[in-house]
């Protein structure tokens, strides 16, 4: 093997420092993404308890729940990154 002059890649170790700003940004975006999920839960629950569900709102409720789930995933990733 020849030496190409590039440093050898480390074995999956993260760089020290520099993760605080990204984790805070991920946390902020995750909280913003939770809002559509909470609205979907509110409107979806209200339509179920009112016993009249307009079929036109079901896709919007599902998309809101999916966006909210993405926010939860992003928050969990930010918290894990911050704890390192």
N, C-alpha and C. Protein backbone atom coordinates (compact mmCIF):
# COMPACT_ATOMS: atom_id res chain seq x y z
N UNK A 1 0.84 -1.18 0.00
CA UNK A 1 0.00 0.00 0.00
C UNK A 1 0.88 1.24 0.00
N UNK A 2 0.47 2.19 -0.76
CA UNK A 2 1.24 3.43 -0.80
C UNK A 2 0.61 4.46 0.12
N UNK A 3 1.42 5.36 0.60
CA UNK A 3 0.94 6.43 1.46
C UNK A 3 0.49 7.59 0.59
N UNK A 4 -0.78 7.93 0.68
CA UNK A 4 -1.32 8.98 -0.18
C UNK A 4 -1.19 10.37 0.44
N UNK A 5 -0.70 10.46 1.63
CA UNK A 5 -0.54 11.75 2.28
C UNK A 5 -1.73 12.18 3.10
N UNK A 6 -2.83 11.42 3.04
CA UNK A 6 -4.01 11.75 3.83
C UNK A 6 -3.95 11.03 5.15
N UNK A 7 -4.44 11.65 6.23
CA UNK A 7 -4.45 10.94 7.51
C UNK A 7 -5.42 9.77 7.49
N UNK A 8 -5.11 8.76 8.26
CA UNK A 8 -5.97 7.58 8.33
C UNK A 8 -7.26 7.94 9.04
N UNK A 9 -8.41 7.46 8.55
CA UNK A 9 -9.67 7.76 9.23
C UNK A 9 -9.72 7.06 10.58
N UNK A 10 -10.24 7.76 11.59
CA UNK A 10 -10.36 7.14 12.90
C UNK A 10 -11.56 6.20 12.91
N UNK A 11 -11.61 5.37 13.90
CA UNK A 11 -12.60 4.29 13.95
C UNK A 11 -13.94 4.77 14.50
N UNK A 12 -14.59 5.71 13.84
CA UNK A 12 -15.93 6.13 14.22
C UNK A 12 -16.00 7.05 15.42
N UNK A 13 -14.87 7.54 15.88
CA UNK A 13 -14.89 8.45 17.03
C UNK A 13 -15.29 9.84 16.57
N UNK A 14 -16.12 10.48 17.33
CA UNK A 14 -16.57 11.83 16.97
C UNK A 14 -15.50 12.84 17.33
N UNK A 15 -15.55 13.96 16.65
CA UNK A 15 -14.61 15.04 16.91
C UNK A 15 -14.90 15.67 18.26
N UNK A 16 -13.91 16.03 19.03
CA UNK A 16 -14.18 16.66 20.31
C UNK A 16 -14.72 18.07 20.12
N UNK A 17 -15.76 18.41 20.86
CA UNK A 17 -16.34 19.75 20.82
C UNK A 17 -17.13 19.99 19.55
N UNK A 18 -17.74 21.13 19.46
CA UNK A 18 -18.46 21.52 18.25
C UNK A 18 -19.85 20.93 18.11
N UNK A 19 -20.34 20.15 19.06
CA UNK A 19 -21.64 19.53 18.94
C UNK A 19 -22.75 20.29 19.63
N UNK A 20 -22.42 21.28 20.42
CA UNK A 20 -23.42 21.99 21.19
C UNK A 20 -24.35 22.84 20.34
N UNK A 21 -23.80 23.52 19.35
CA UNK A 21 -24.60 24.40 18.51
C UNK A 21 -25.54 23.57 17.62
N UNK A 22 -25.02 22.50 17.06
CA UNK A 22 -25.85 21.65 16.20
C UNK A 22 -26.96 20.98 17.01
N UNK A 23 -26.64 20.53 18.22
CA UNK A 23 -27.65 19.90 19.06
C UNK A 23 -28.74 20.90 19.43
N UNK A 24 -28.36 22.14 19.72
CA UNK A 24 -29.35 23.16 20.06
C UNK A 24 -30.24 23.48 18.85
N UNK A 25 -29.64 23.55 17.67
CA UNK A 25 -30.40 23.81 16.45
C UNK A 25 -31.37 22.66 16.16
N UNK A 26 -30.90 21.42 16.33
CA UNK A 26 -31.78 20.26 16.13
C UNK A 26 -32.92 20.26 17.13
N UNK A 27 -32.64 20.64 18.36
CA UNK A 27 -33.67 20.69 19.38
C UNK A 27 -34.72 21.75 19.05
N UNK A 28 -34.28 22.91 18.59
CA UNK A 28 -35.19 23.98 18.22
C UNK A 28 -36.08 23.58 17.04
N UNK A 29 -35.50 22.99 16.01
CA UNK A 29 -36.28 22.55 14.85
C UNK A 29 -37.23 21.43 15.24
N UNK A 30 -36.80 20.53 16.13
CA UNK A 30 -37.67 19.45 16.59
C UNK A 30 -38.88 19.98 17.34
N UNK A 31 -38.69 21.02 18.15
CA UNK A 31 -39.82 21.61 18.88
C UNK A 31 -40.79 22.26 17.90
N UNK A 32 -40.26 22.93 16.87
CA UNK A 32 -41.13 23.54 15.86
C UNK A 32 -41.92 22.46 15.11
N UNK A 33 -41.28 21.33 14.84
CA UNK A 33 -41.97 20.25 14.13
C UNK A 33 -43.01 19.55 15.00
N UNK A 34 -42.92 19.70 16.30
CA UNK A 34 -43.92 19.10 17.19
C UNK A 34 -45.27 19.81 17.09
N UNK A 35 -45.27 21.08 16.75
CA UNK A 35 -46.51 21.85 16.73
C UNK A 35 -47.56 21.28 15.76
N UNK A 36 -47.21 20.91 14.52
CA UNK A 36 -48.24 20.30 13.66
C UNK A 36 -48.77 18.98 14.21
N UNK A 37 -47.90 18.22 14.87
CA UNK A 37 -48.35 16.97 15.47
C UNK A 37 -49.33 17.20 16.60
N UNK A 38 -49.07 18.21 17.41
CA UNK A 38 -50.00 18.52 18.50
C UNK A 38 -51.33 19.02 17.96
N UNK A 39 -51.29 19.83 16.91
CA UNK A 39 -52.54 20.29 16.30
C UNK A 39 -53.31 19.12 15.69
N UNK A 40 -52.60 18.20 15.07
CA UNK A 40 -53.26 17.04 14.48
C UNK A 40 -53.93 16.19 15.56
N UNK A 41 -53.25 16.03 16.69
CA UNK A 41 -53.87 15.30 17.81
C UNK A 41 -55.11 16.03 18.32
N UNK A 42 -55.02 17.34 18.42
CA UNK A 42 -56.14 18.13 18.92
C UNK A 42 -57.34 18.03 17.98
N UNK A 43 -57.13 18.29 16.70
CA UNK A 43 -58.24 18.26 15.76
C UNK A 43 -58.73 16.84 15.48
N UNK A 44 -57.81 15.90 15.44
CA UNK A 44 -58.22 14.50 15.24
C UNK A 44 -59.02 13.97 16.41
N UNK A 45 -58.57 14.28 17.61
CA UNK A 45 -59.30 13.85 18.80
C UNK A 45 -60.64 14.53 18.93
N UNK A 46 -60.70 15.81 18.56
CA UNK A 46 -61.97 16.53 18.64
C UNK A 46 -62.97 15.98 17.64
N UNK A 47 -62.50 15.60 16.45
CA UNK A 47 -63.44 15.08 15.46
C UNK A 47 -63.91 13.67 15.83
N UNK A 48 -63.07 12.91 16.51
CA UNK A 48 -63.49 11.57 16.93
C UNK A 48 -64.52 11.67 18.05
N UNK A 49 -64.27 12.56 19.01
CA UNK A 49 -65.21 12.69 20.11
C UNK A 49 -66.51 13.36 19.69
N UNK A 50 -66.47 14.15 18.63
CA UNK A 50 -67.69 14.79 18.15
C UNK A 50 -68.49 13.84 17.24
N UNK A 51 -67.93 12.69 16.96
CA UNK A 51 -68.57 11.63 16.16
C UNK A 51 -68.89 12.07 14.73
N UNK A 52 -68.16 13.02 14.23
CA UNK A 52 -68.28 13.33 12.81
C UNK A 52 -66.89 13.64 12.28
N UNK A 53 -66.39 12.76 11.48
CA UNK A 53 -65.07 12.93 10.89
C UNK A 53 -65.24 13.17 9.41
N UNK A 54 -64.84 14.34 8.97
CA UNK A 54 -64.88 14.65 7.55
C UNK A 54 -63.72 13.93 6.88
N UNK A 55 -63.99 13.09 5.89
CA UNK A 55 -62.91 12.34 5.25
C UNK A 55 -61.86 13.22 4.59
N UNK A 56 -62.20 14.46 4.30
CA UNK A 56 -61.23 15.36 3.69
C UNK A 56 -60.13 15.79 4.63
N UNK A 57 -60.36 15.72 5.94
CA UNK A 57 -59.36 16.14 6.91
C UNK A 57 -58.41 15.02 7.33
N UNK A 58 -58.76 13.80 7.03
CA UNK A 58 -57.95 12.66 7.48
C UNK A 58 -56.52 12.72 6.93
N UNK A 59 -56.29 13.01 5.65
CA UNK A 59 -54.89 13.10 5.18
C UNK A 59 -54.11 14.21 5.88
N UNK A 60 -54.74 15.34 6.17
CA UNK A 60 -54.05 16.42 6.86
C UNK A 60 -53.68 16.01 8.28
N UNK A 61 -54.56 15.29 8.93
CA UNK A 61 -54.29 14.81 10.29
C UNK A 61 -53.13 13.82 10.28
N UNK A 62 -53.12 12.92 9.30
CA UNK A 62 -52.04 11.94 9.20
C UNK A 62 -50.70 12.60 8.90
N UNK A 63 -50.69 13.57 8.00
CA UNK A 63 -49.44 14.28 7.68
C UNK A 63 -48.95 15.05 8.91
N UNK A 64 -49.86 15.67 9.64
CA UNK A 64 -49.48 16.37 10.86
C UNK A 64 -48.88 15.43 11.89
N UNK A 65 -49.45 14.25 12.02
CA UNK A 65 -48.91 13.27 12.96
C UNK A 65 -47.53 12.80 12.53
N UNK A 66 -47.32 12.61 11.23
CA UNK A 66 -46.01 12.19 10.73
C UNK A 66 -44.96 13.28 10.94
N UNK A 67 -45.32 14.52 10.72
CA UNK A 67 -44.39 15.63 10.95
C UNK A 67 -44.05 15.72 12.44
N UNK A 68 -45.06 15.55 13.29
CA UNK A 68 -44.82 15.55 14.73
C UNK A 68 -43.91 14.40 15.16
N UNK A 69 -44.08 13.24 14.55
CA UNK A 69 -43.20 12.10 14.86
C UNK A 69 -41.77 12.40 14.42
N UNK A 70 -41.62 13.08 13.29
CA UNK A 70 -40.29 13.49 12.86
C UNK A 70 -39.65 14.45 13.85
N UNK A 71 -40.46 15.32 14.43
CA UNK A 71 -39.96 16.23 15.46
C UNK A 71 -39.48 15.49 16.69
N UNK A 72 -40.20 14.46 17.07
CA UNK A 72 -39.80 13.65 18.23
C UNK A 72 -38.47 12.96 17.95
N UNK A 73 -38.32 12.41 16.74
CA UNK A 73 -37.07 11.75 16.37
C UNK A 73 -35.91 12.74 16.39
N UNK A 74 -36.15 13.94 15.88
CA UNK A 74 -35.10 14.96 15.85
C UNK A 74 -34.71 15.41 17.26
N UNK A 75 -35.68 15.53 18.14
CA UNK A 75 -35.38 15.91 19.53
C UNK A 75 -34.58 14.81 20.22
N UNK A 76 -34.95 13.56 20.00
CA UNK A 76 -34.21 12.46 20.61
C UNK A 76 -32.77 12.42 20.11
N UNK A 77 -32.56 12.67 18.81
CA UNK A 77 -31.21 12.69 18.26
C UNK A 77 -30.40 13.85 18.85
N UNK A 78 -31.04 15.00 19.04
CA UNK A 78 -30.34 16.15 19.61
C UNK A 78 -29.94 15.89 21.06
N UNK A 79 -30.82 15.26 21.81
CA UNK A 79 -30.51 14.97 23.21
C UNK A 79 -29.38 13.96 23.29
N UNK A 80 -29.39 12.96 22.44
CA UNK A 80 -28.30 11.98 22.44
C UNK A 80 -26.98 12.63 22.04
N UNK A 81 -27.03 13.53 21.07
CA UNK A 81 -25.81 14.21 20.63
C UNK A 81 -25.29 15.13 21.74
N UNK A 82 -26.18 15.77 22.47
CA UNK A 82 -25.78 16.68 23.53
C UNK A 82 -25.16 15.93 24.71
N UNK A 83 -25.61 14.72 24.98
CA UNK A 83 -25.10 13.95 26.12
C UNK A 83 -23.71 13.40 25.90
N UNK A 84 -23.24 13.34 24.65
CA UNK A 84 -21.90 12.79 24.38
C UNK A 84 -20.83 13.65 24.93
